[in-house]
Amino acid sequence: RRFCECFNCLSHSGFNRRSRQLLQLIYQIRQEMNKKVDLNGQFLIIDSFPVPVCQPIRNYRAKIFRGYANIGYKATKKIYFYGFKVHAIVSDDGSILNTI
């Protein structure tokens, strides 16, 4: 909400609507940038990491992203989280090639 207040002409809900509309544009920009990355002779790094939406104590009560987010397990820290798990492929020069 504080970020939305920087734009005096937008309400909180108006800001959220506009930011959701930008997701498709960002996806298209990333696809075009990926076409320009040369993959010959490079290493690709594959990694995954959780993006928690709330604290673990609220996993079962959280209403945000209901139907989209899941409860997952982070084996390295032996904790459960409510949110998303990102799988990313990155080239050795730091270009993000794909995320799921």
N, C-alpha and C. Protein backbone atom coordinates (compact mmCIF):
# COMPACT_ATOMS: atom_id res chain seq x y z
N ARG A 1 0.81 -1.20 0.00
CA ARG A 1 0.00 0.00 0.00
C ARG A 1 0.85 1.26 0.00
N ARG A 2 1.99 1.20 0.68
CA ARG A 2 2.87 2.37 0.69
C ARG A 2 3.40 2.66 -0.71
N PHE A 3 3.67 1.61 -1.47
CA PHE A 3 4.15 1.80 -2.83
C PHE A 3 3.07 2.47 -3.67
N CYS A 4 1.81 2.08 -3.47
CA CYS A 4 0.70 2.68 -4.22
C CYS A 4 0.54 4.15 -3.89
N GLU A 5 0.87 4.53 -2.67
CA GLU A 5 0.71 5.92 -2.26
C GLU A 5 1.68 6.84 -3.02
N CYS A 6 2.74 6.28 -3.57
CA CYS A 6 3.68 7.09 -4.37
C CYS A 6 2.99 7.63 -5.63
N PHE A 7 2.01 6.88 -6.12
CA PHE A 7 1.24 7.30 -7.29
C PHE A 7 -0.08 7.88 -6.78
N ASN A 8 -0.13 9.17 -6.62
CA ASN A 8 -1.28 9.83 -6.01
C ASN A 8 -2.57 9.64 -6.80
N CYS A 9 -2.47 9.43 -8.10
CA CYS A 9 -3.67 9.34 -8.91
C CYS A 9 -4.28 7.94 -8.92
N LEU A 10 -3.62 6.95 -8.33
CA LEU A 10 -4.12 5.57 -8.34
C LEU A 10 -4.55 5.13 -6.96
N SER A 11 -5.67 4.43 -6.90
CA SER A 11 -6.08 3.78 -5.65
C SER A 11 -5.34 2.45 -5.54
N HIS A 12 -5.47 1.81 -4.41
CA HIS A 12 -4.81 0.52 -4.20
C HIS A 12 -5.32 -0.52 -5.19
N SER A 13 -6.64 -0.58 -5.38
CA SER A 13 -7.21 -1.57 -6.30
C SER A 13 -6.86 -1.22 -7.75
N GLY A 14 -6.83 0.06 -8.08
CA GLY A 14 -6.44 0.46 -9.44
C GLY A 14 -5.01 0.09 -9.75
N PHE A 15 -4.13 0.27 -8.77
CA PHE A 15 -2.73 -0.11 -8.93
C PHE A 15 -2.62 -1.62 -9.16
N ASN A 16 -3.36 -2.42 -8.38
CA ASN A 16 -3.32 -3.87 -8.53
C ASN A 16 -3.81 -4.31 -9.90
N ARG A 17 -4.87 -3.67 -10.40
CA ARG A 17 -5.39 -4.02 -11.73
C ARG A 17 -4.35 -3.74 -12.81
N ARG A 18 -3.71 -2.60 -12.73
CA ARG A 18 -2.70 -2.25 -13.74
C ARG A 18 -1.48 -3.16 -13.66
N SER A 19 -1.07 -3.52 -12.46
CA SER A 19 0.10 -4.38 -12.33
C SER A 19 -0.19 -5.78 -12.86
N ARG A 20 -1.42 -6.28 -12.71
CA ARG A 20 -1.78 -7.58 -13.26
C ARG A 20 -1.78 -7.55 -14.79
N GLN A 21 -2.16 -6.42 -15.37
CA GLN A 21 -2.15 -6.30 -16.82
C GLN A 21 -0.72 -6.31 -17.37
N LEU A 22 0.25 -5.92 -16.57
CA LEU A 22 1.63 -5.89 -17.01
C LEU A 22 2.28 -7.27 -17.07
N LEU A 23 1.69 -8.27 -16.40
CA LEU A 23 2.31 -9.60 -16.35
C LEU A 23 2.48 -10.19 -17.75
N GLN A 24 1.47 -10.06 -18.60
CA GLN A 24 1.56 -10.60 -19.95
C GLN A 24 2.64 -9.88 -20.75
N LEU A 25 2.75 -8.57 -20.59
CA LEU A 25 3.78 -7.81 -21.29
C LEU A 25 5.18 -8.21 -20.82
N ILE A 26 5.36 -8.39 -19.54
CA ILE A 26 6.65 -8.83 -19.00
C ILE A 26 7.02 -10.20 -19.55
N TYR A 27 6.03 -11.10 -19.63
CA TYR A 27 6.27 -12.43 -20.18
C TYR A 27 6.74 -12.34 -21.63
N GLN A 28 6.11 -11.50 -22.44
CA GLN A 28 6.50 -11.34 -23.84
C GLN A 28 7.89 -10.74 -23.98
N ILE A 29 8.21 -9.77 -23.13
CA ILE A 29 9.56 -9.18 -23.17
C ILE A 29 10.61 -10.22 -22.84
N ARG A 30 10.34 -11.05 -21.83
CA ARG A 30 11.30 -12.08 -21.46
C ARG A 30 11.48 -13.11 -22.57
N GLN A 31 10.39 -13.48 -23.26
CA GLN A 31 10.50 -14.43 -24.36
C GLN A 31 11.36 -13.87 -25.50
N GLU A 32 11.18 -12.59 -25.81
CA GLU A 32 11.98 -11.97 -26.87
C GLU A 32 13.45 -11.88 -26.46
N MET A 33 13.72 -11.59 -25.20
CA MET A 33 15.10 -11.53 -24.73
C MET A 33 15.75 -12.91 -24.77
N ASN A 34 14.98 -13.96 -24.48
CA ASN A 34 15.52 -15.31 -24.51
C ASN A 34 15.91 -15.73 -25.92
N LYS A 35 15.23 -15.22 -26.91
CA LYS A 35 15.57 -15.57 -28.30
C LYS A 35 16.95 -15.04 -28.69
N LYS A 36 17.40 -13.99 -28.02
CA LYS A 36 18.68 -13.37 -28.36
C LYS A 36 19.86 -13.98 -27.59
N VAL A 37 19.59 -14.87 -26.64
CA VAL A 37 20.65 -15.49 -25.85
C VAL A 37 21.24 -16.65 -26.64
N ASP A 38 22.55 -16.66 -26.79
CA ASP A 38 23.24 -17.73 -27.50
C ASP A 38 23.59 -18.83 -26.50
N LEU A 39 23.08 -20.04 -26.74
CA LEU A 39 23.29 -21.14 -25.80
C LEU A 39 24.42 -22.08 -26.21
N ASN A 40 25.15 -21.79 -27.27
CA ASN A 40 26.21 -22.67 -27.73
C ASN A 40 27.41 -22.62 -26.78
N GLY A 41 27.76 -23.79 -26.24
CA GLY A 41 28.94 -23.89 -25.40
C GLY A 41 28.81 -23.29 -24.02
N GLN A 42 27.61 -22.95 -23.58
CA GLN A 42 27.45 -22.36 -22.26
C GLN A 42 26.91 -23.40 -21.29
N PHE A 43 27.08 -23.09 -20.01
CA PHE A 43 26.50 -23.90 -18.97
C PHE A 43 25.13 -23.33 -18.62
N LEU A 44 24.21 -24.19 -18.27
CA LEU A 44 22.90 -23.77 -17.78
C LEU A 44 22.77 -24.21 -16.32
N ILE A 45 22.26 -23.33 -15.50
CA ILE A 45 22.09 -23.62 -14.09
C ILE A 45 20.60 -23.73 -13.81
N ILE A 46 20.20 -24.85 -13.21
CA ILE A 46 18.81 -25.07 -12.86
C ILE A 46 18.70 -25.04 -11.35
N ASP A 47 17.76 -24.25 -10.84
CA ASP A 47 17.59 -24.14 -9.39
C ASP A 47 16.11 -23.98 -9.09
N SER A 48 15.74 -24.32 -7.88
CA SER A 48 14.37 -24.09 -7.43
C SER A 48 14.43 -23.53 -6.02
N PHE A 49 13.45 -22.69 -5.72
CA PHE A 49 13.38 -22.08 -4.40
C PHE A 49 11.94 -21.72 -4.09
N PRO A 50 11.58 -21.74 -2.80
CA PRO A 50 10.21 -21.39 -2.44
C PRO A 50 10.01 -19.89 -2.36
N VAL A 51 8.78 -19.46 -2.63
CA VAL A 51 8.38 -18.07 -2.45
C VAL A 51 7.19 -18.10 -1.49
N PRO A 52 7.48 -18.01 -0.18
CA PRO A 52 6.38 -18.10 0.79
C PRO A 52 5.52 -16.85 0.76
N VAL A 53 4.22 -17.04 0.97
CA VAL A 53 3.26 -15.94 0.98
C VAL A 53 3.00 -15.46 2.40
N CYS A 54 3.09 -16.37 3.36
CA CYS A 54 2.83 -15.99 4.75
C CYS A 54 3.74 -16.82 5.67
N GLN A 55 3.69 -16.50 6.94
CA GLN A 55 4.47 -17.22 7.94
C GLN A 55 3.95 -18.66 8.07
N PRO A 56 4.81 -19.62 8.43
CA PRO A 56 4.37 -21.02 8.51
C PRO A 56 3.21 -21.25 9.50
N ILE A 57 3.08 -20.45 10.51
CA ILE A 57 2.01 -20.65 11.48
C ILE A 57 0.63 -20.41 10.86
N ARG A 58 0.59 -19.64 9.76
CA ARG A 58 -0.68 -19.30 9.11
C ARG A 58 -0.94 -20.13 7.85
N ASN A 59 -0.18 -21.19 7.63
CA ASN A 59 -0.30 -21.97 6.40
C ASN A 59 -1.73 -22.41 6.09
N TYR A 60 -2.43 -22.91 7.07
CA TYR A 60 -3.76 -23.47 6.83
C TYR A 60 -4.87 -22.44 6.89
N ARG A 61 -4.59 -21.24 7.42
CA ARG A 61 -5.61 -20.21 7.53
C ARG A 61 -5.51 -19.14 6.47
N ALA A 62 -4.44 -19.14 5.70
CA ALA A 62 -4.22 -18.08 4.72
C ALA A 62 -5.28 -18.13 3.61
N LYS A 63 -5.80 -16.96 3.26
CA LYS A 63 -6.81 -16.87 2.21
C LYS A 63 -6.26 -16.29 0.91
N ILE A 64 -5.12 -15.62 1.02
CA ILE A 64 -4.54 -15.01 -0.18
C ILE A 64 -4.03 -16.12 -1.10
N PHE A 65 -4.26 -15.98 -2.37
CA PHE A 65 -3.88 -16.93 -3.40
C PHE A 65 -4.50 -18.31 -3.19
N ARG A 66 -5.64 -18.37 -2.51
CA ARG A 66 -6.31 -19.66 -2.31
C ARG A 66 -6.67 -20.23 -3.67
N GLY A 67 -6.34 -21.48 -3.89
CA GLY A 67 -6.57 -22.12 -5.18
C GLY A 67 -5.37 -22.07 -6.10
N TYR A 68 -4.41 -21.19 -5.80
CA TYR A 68 -3.20 -21.07 -6.62
C TYR A 68 -1.96 -21.53 -5.86
N ALA A 69 -1.81 -21.07 -4.64
CA ALA A 69 -0.64 -21.44 -3.84
C ALA A 69 -0.88 -22.78 -3.15
N ASN A 70 0.21 -23.44 -2.82
CA ASN A 70 0.14 -24.73 -2.14
C ASN A 70 1.04 -24.73 -0.91
N ILE A 71 0.82 -25.71 -0.06
CA ILE A 71 1.73 -25.92 1.07
C ILE A 71 2.83 -26.84 0.58
N GLY A 72 4.06 -26.38 0.68
CA GLY A 72 5.21 -27.15 0.22
C GLY A 72 6.18 -27.39 1.36
N TYR A 73 7.21 -28.14 1.07
CA TYR A 73 8.21 -28.49 2.07
C TYR A 73 9.58 -28.11 1.55
N LYS A 74 10.35 -27.39 2.37
CA LYS A 74 11.72 -27.02 2.03
C LYS A 74 12.64 -27.96 2.80
N ALA A 75 13.19 -28.93 2.08
CA ALA A 75 13.96 -30.00 2.72
C ALA A 75 15.24 -29.51 3.37
N THR A 76 15.90 -28.49 2.79
CA THR A 76 17.17 -28.03 3.34
C THR A 76 17.00 -27.40 4.72
N LYS A 77 15.88 -26.74 4.95
CA LYS A 77 15.63 -26.12 6.25
C LYS A 77 14.62 -26.88 7.09
N LYS A 78 14.06 -27.95 6.51
CA LYS A 78 13.08 -28.80 7.19
C LYS A 78 11.89 -28.01 7.71
N ILE A 79 11.32 -27.17 6.83
CA ILE A 79 10.14 -26.39 7.19
C ILE A 79 9.11 -26.47 6.08
N TYR A 80 7.85 -26.29 6.46
CA TYR A 80 6.76 -26.20 5.50
C TYR A 80 6.51 -24.73 5.19
N PHE A 81 6.01 -24.45 4.00
CA PHE A 81 5.70 -23.08 3.62
C PHE A 81 4.42 -23.08 2.80
N TYR A 82 3.71 -21.96 2.82
CA TYR A 82 2.53 -21.75 1.99
C TYR A 82 2.91 -20.73 0.93
N GLY A 83 2.84 -21.12 -0.32
CA GLY A 83 3.22 -20.20 -1.38
C GLY A 83 3.49 -20.94 -2.66
N PHE A 84 4.51 -20.50 -3.34
CA PHE A 84 4.84 -21.03 -4.65
C PHE A 84 6.28 -21.55 -4.64
N LYS A 85 6.55 -22.50 -5.52
CA LYS A 85 7.92 -22.98 -5.71
C LYS A 85 8.34 -22.60 -7.12
N VAL A 86 9.42 -21.86 -7.23
CA VAL A 86 9.91 -21.38 -8.52
C VAL A 86 11.04 -22.29 -8.98
N HIS A 87 10.95 -22.71 -10.23
CA HIS A 87 12.02 -23.48 -10.86
C HIS A 87 12.56 -22.60 -11.98
N ALA A 88 13.84 -22.30 -11.94
CA ALA A 88 14.42 -21.36 -12.90
C ALA A 88 15.61 -21.98 -13.61
N ILE A 89 15.75 -21.63 -14.88
CA ILE A 89 16.91 -22.00 -15.67
C ILE A 89 17.63 -20.70 -16.02
N VAL A 90 18.92 -20.63 -15.65
CA VAL A 90 19.71 -19.42 -15.82
C VAL A 90 20.98 -19.77 -16.57
N SER A 91 21.35 -18.93 -17.54
CA SER A 91 22.61 -19.15 -18.25
C SER A 91 23.76 -18.67 -17.36
N ASP A 92 24.98 -19.05 -17.73
CA ASP A 92 26.12 -18.69 -16.88
C ASP A 92 26.45 -17.20 -16.91
N ASP A 93 25.88 -16.45 -17.85
CA ASP A 93 26.08 -15.01 -17.84
C ASP A 93 24.98 -14.28 -17.06
N GLY A 94 24.03 -15.03 -16.45
CA GLY A 94 23.01 -14.43 -15.60
C GLY A 94 21.68 -14.17 -16.27
N SER A 95 21.50 -14.60 -17.51
CA SER A 95 20.23 -14.41 -18.20
C SER A 95 19.23 -15.47 -17.75
N ILE A 96 18.04 -15.03 -17.34
CA ILE A 96 16.99 -15.96 -16.94
C ILE A 96 16.35 -16.48 -18.21
N LEU A 97 16.42 -17.80 -18.41
CA LEU A 97 15.90 -18.39 -19.64
C LEU A 97 14.47 -18.86 -19.51
N ASN A 98 14.13 -19.45 -18.36
CA ASN A 98 12.79 -19.97 -18.18
C ASN A 98 12.50 -20.10 -16.70
N THR A 99 11.25 -19.85 -16.34
CA THR A 99 10.80 -20.07 -14.96
C THR A 99 9.46 -20.78 -15.02
N ILE A 100 9.25 -21.64 -14.05
CA ILE A 100 7.99 -22.35 -13.93
C ILE A 100 7.45 -22.13 -12.53
